[in-house]
Amino acid sequence: MRYTVIIESGRESGSVALCPALPGCMSQGRTKREVLKNIKEAIEAYIESLLEDGLPAPVERGRETVDVEIAAGANPSRKSSCPPMPVSTRGPWPQSSMPPV
């Protein structure tokens, strides 16, 4: 199985990783290597727990991760028809589904 993992800088140090397809599945580490190792273990434990309880493991479908380069502010005469988006400091997932980090 493959799952998308989001890695963010920790508030004080290190990194925090979470798996959006598995609510509440998150881990942390001092280095990227450590946080990846830890989130992999957390995902495995999460899935094993579901299976032990007779529940299906979620399958992530329809998600693609791409890097997009933009040139914001490069053409000041061009007006956007889109309203500004609110800034989220927590990520693209619903606030209610994420426990405090």
C-alpha atoms as a PDB file:
ATOM      1  CA  MET A   1       0.000   0.000   0.000  1.00  0.00           C
ATOM      2  CA  ARG A   2       1.033   3.567  -0.611  1.00  0.00           C
ATOM      3  CA  TYR A   3      -0.078   6.614   1.320  1.00  0.00           C
ATOM      4  CA  THR A   4       0.610  10.319   0.947  1.00  0.00           C
ATOM      5  CA  VAL A   5       2.625  11.752   3.832  1.00  0.00           C
ATOM      6  CA  ILE A   6       2.949  15.464   4.548  1.00  0.00           C
ATOM      7  CA  ILE A   7       6.080  16.635   6.351  1.00  0.00           C
ATOM      8  CA  GLU A   8       6.199  20.030   8.026  1.00  0.00           C
ATOM      9  CA  SER A   9       8.784  21.785  10.148  1.00  0.00           C
ATOM     10  CA  GLY A  10       8.111  21.376  13.852  1.00  0.00           C
ATOM     11  CA  ARG A  11       7.162  24.410  15.906  1.00  0.00           C
ATOM     12  CA  GLU A  12      10.407  24.386  17.850  1.00  0.00           C
ATOM     13  CA  SER A  13      12.636  21.890  16.038  1.00  0.00           C
ATOM     14  CA  GLY A  14      12.616  18.772  13.895  1.00  0.00           C
ATOM     15  CA  SER A  15       9.737  17.749  11.667  1.00  0.00           C
ATOM     16  CA  VAL A  16       6.184  16.485  11.977  1.00  0.00           C
ATOM     17  CA  ALA A  17       4.678  14.024   9.502  1.00  0.00           C
ATOM     18  CA  LEU A  18       1.056  13.120   9.004  1.00  0.00           C
ATOM     19  CA  CYS A  19      -0.939  10.860   6.743  1.00  0.00           C
ATOM     20  CA  PRO A  20      -4.173  12.614   5.643  1.00  0.00           C
ATOM     21  CA  ALA A  21      -5.859   9.344   4.598  1.00  0.00           C
ATOM     22  CA  LEU A  22      -5.507   8.010   8.168  1.00  0.00           C
ATOM     23  CA  PRO A  23      -7.080  10.528  10.585  1.00  0.00           C
ATOM     24  CA  GLY A  24      -4.863  11.165  13.600  1.00  0.00           C
ATOM     25  CA  CYS A  25      -1.913   9.210  12.170  1.00  0.00           C
ATOM     26  CA  MET A  26       1.098  11.412  12.744  1.00  0.00           C
ATOM     27  CA  SER A  27       4.641  11.259  14.047  1.00  0.00           C
ATOM     28  CA  GLN A  28       7.700  13.425  14.539  1.00  0.00           C
ATOM     29  CA  GLY A  29      11.463  13.265  14.370  1.00  0.00           C
ATOM     30  CA  ARG A  30      14.603  15.356  14.653  1.00  0.00           C
ATOM     31  CA  THR A  31      15.616  14.723  11.021  1.00  0.00           C
ATOM     32  CA  LYS A  32      13.740  13.989   7.796  1.00  0.00           C
ATOM     33  CA  ARG A  33      15.122  10.455   7.834  1.00  0.00           C
ATOM     34  CA  GLU A  34      13.905   9.916  11.397  1.00  0.00           C
ATOM     35  CA  VAL A  35      10.441  11.397  10.781  1.00  0.00           C
ATOM     36  CA  LEU A  36       9.988   9.198   7.680  1.00  0.00           C
ATOM     37  CA  LYS A  37      10.985   6.096   9.651  1.00  0.00           C
ATOM     38  CA  ASN A  38       8.619   7.057  12.459  1.00  0.00           C
ATOM     39  CA  ILE A  39       5.618   7.821  10.227  1.00  0.00           C
ATOM     40  CA  LYS A  40       6.099   4.540   8.378  1.00  0.00           C
ATOM     41  CA  GLU A  41       5.949   2.708  11.716  1.00  0.00           C
ATOM     42  CA  ALA A  42       2.880   4.741  12.725  1.00  0.00           C
ATOM     43  CA  ILE A  43       1.088   3.910   9.460  1.00  0.00           C
ATOM     44  CA  GLU A  44       1.906   0.217   9.829  1.00  0.00           C
ATOM     45  CA  ALA A  45       0.603   0.176  13.422  1.00  0.00           C
ATOM     46  CA  TYR A  46      -2.541   2.098  12.367  1.00  0.00           C
ATOM     47  CA  ILE A  47      -3.323  -0.378   9.550  1.00  0.00           C
ATOM     48  CA  GLU A  48      -2.541  -3.424  11.727  1.00  0.00           C
ATOM     49  CA  SER A  49      -4.912  -2.095  14.400  1.00  0.00           C
ATOM     50  CA  LEU A  50      -7.713  -1.645  11.863  1.00  0.00           C
ATOM     51  CA  LEU A  51      -7.214  -5.149  10.480  1.00  0.00           C
ATOM     52  CA  GLU A  52      -7.145  -6.688  13.983  1.00  0.00           C
ATOM     53  CA  ASP A  53     -10.502  -4.997  14.644  1.00  0.00           C
ATOM     54  CA  GLY A  54     -11.916  -6.435  11.423  1.00  0.00           C
ATOM     55  CA  LEU A  55     -11.983  -3.053   9.693  1.00  0.00           C
ATOM     56  CA  PRO A  56     -10.724  -2.430   6.152  1.00  0.00           C
ATOM     57  CA  ALA A  57      -7.538  -0.493   5.522  1.00  0.00           C
ATOM     58  CA  PRO A  58      -8.284   2.791   3.722  1.00  0.00           C
ATOM     59  CA  VAL A  59      -7.140   2.901   0.119  1.00  0.00           C
ATOM     60  CA  GLU A  60      -5.958   6.274  -1.095  1.00  0.00           C
ATOM     61  CA  ARG A  61      -7.242   6.977  -4.593  1.00  0.00           C
ATOM     62  CA  GLY A  62      -7.360   9.914  -6.912  1.00  0.00           C
ATOM     63  CA  ARG A  63      -4.534  11.868  -5.316  1.00  0.00           C
ATOM     64  CA  GLU A  64      -1.595  13.204  -7.243  1.00  0.00           C
ATOM     65  CA  THR A  65       1.172  15.363  -5.850  1.00  0.00           C
ATOM     66  CA  VAL A  66       2.737  17.915  -8.162  1.00  0.00           C
ATOM     67  CA  ASP A  67       5.010  20.921  -7.728  1.00  0.00           C
ATOM     68  CA  VAL A  68       3.644  24.090  -9.296  1.00  0.00           C
ATOM     69  CA  GLU A  69       5.843  27.076 -10.062  1.00  0.00           C
ATOM     70  CA  ILE A  70       4.135  30.453 -10.029  1.00  0.00           C
ATOM     71  CA  ALA A  71       5.178  33.968 -10.870  1.00  0.00           C
ATOM     72  CA  ALA A  72       3.023  35.910  -8.419  1.00  0.00           C
ATOM     73  CA  GLY A  73       3.635  39.620  -8.659  1.00  0.00           C
ATOM     74  CA  ALA A  74       5.571  39.269 -11.920  1.00  0.00           C
ATOM     75  CA  ASN A  75       2.896  41.155 -13.899  1.00  0.00           C
ATOM     76  CA  PRO A  76       1.409  43.918 -11.708  1.00  0.00           C
ATOM     77  CA  SER A  77      -0.992  45.112 -14.458  1.00  0.00           C
ATOM     78  CA  ARG A  78      -2.788  41.755 -14.531  1.00  0.00           C
ATOM     79  CA  LYS A  79      -5.740  41.591 -12.164  1.00  0.00           C
ATOM     80  CA  SER A  80      -6.882  38.313 -10.671  1.00  0.00           C
ATOM     81  CA  SER A  81     -10.548  37.356 -10.781  1.00  0.00           C
ATOM     82  CA  CYS A  82     -10.056  35.090  -7.776  1.00  0.00           C
ATOM     83  CA  PRO A  83     -10.561  36.382  -4.241  1.00  0.00           C
ATOM     84  CA  PRO A  84      -7.592  35.910  -1.908  1.00  0.00           C
ATOM     85  CA  MET A  85      -7.536  32.582  -0.091  1.00  0.00           C
ATOM     86  CA  PRO A  86      -7.351  32.524   3.703  1.00  0.00           C
ATOM     87  CA  VAL A  87      -3.945  31.492   4.993  1.00  0.00           C
ATOM     88  CA  SER A  88      -3.870  28.181   6.844  1.00  0.00           C
ATOM     89  CA  THR A  89      -1.068  27.439   9.250  1.00  0.00           C
ATOM     90  CA  ARG A  90      -2.188  23.847   9.728  1.00  0.00           C
ATOM     91  CA  GLY A  91      -2.313  22.422   6.199  1.00  0.00           C
ATOM     92  CA  PRO A  92      -4.924  21.432   3.593  1.00  0.00           C
ATOM     93  CA  TRP A  93      -6.968  19.115   5.834  1.00  0.00           C
ATOM     94  CA  PRO A  94     -10.047  20.027   7.856  1.00  0.00           C
ATOM     95  CA  GLN A  95      -9.120  21.690  11.134  1.00  0.00           C
ATOM     96  CA  SER A  96     -11.487  19.507  13.150  1.00  0.00           C
ATOM     97  CA  SER A  97      -9.819  16.266  12.048  1.00  0.00           C
ATOM     98  CA  MET A  98      -6.328  17.216  13.184  1.00  0.00           C
ATOM     99  CA  PRO A  99      -5.245  17.019  16.810  1.00  0.00           C
ATOM    100  CA  PRO A 100      -2.872  19.726  18.077  1.00  0.00           C
ATOM    101  CA  VAL A 101       0.770  19.150  17.219  1.00  0.00           C
END
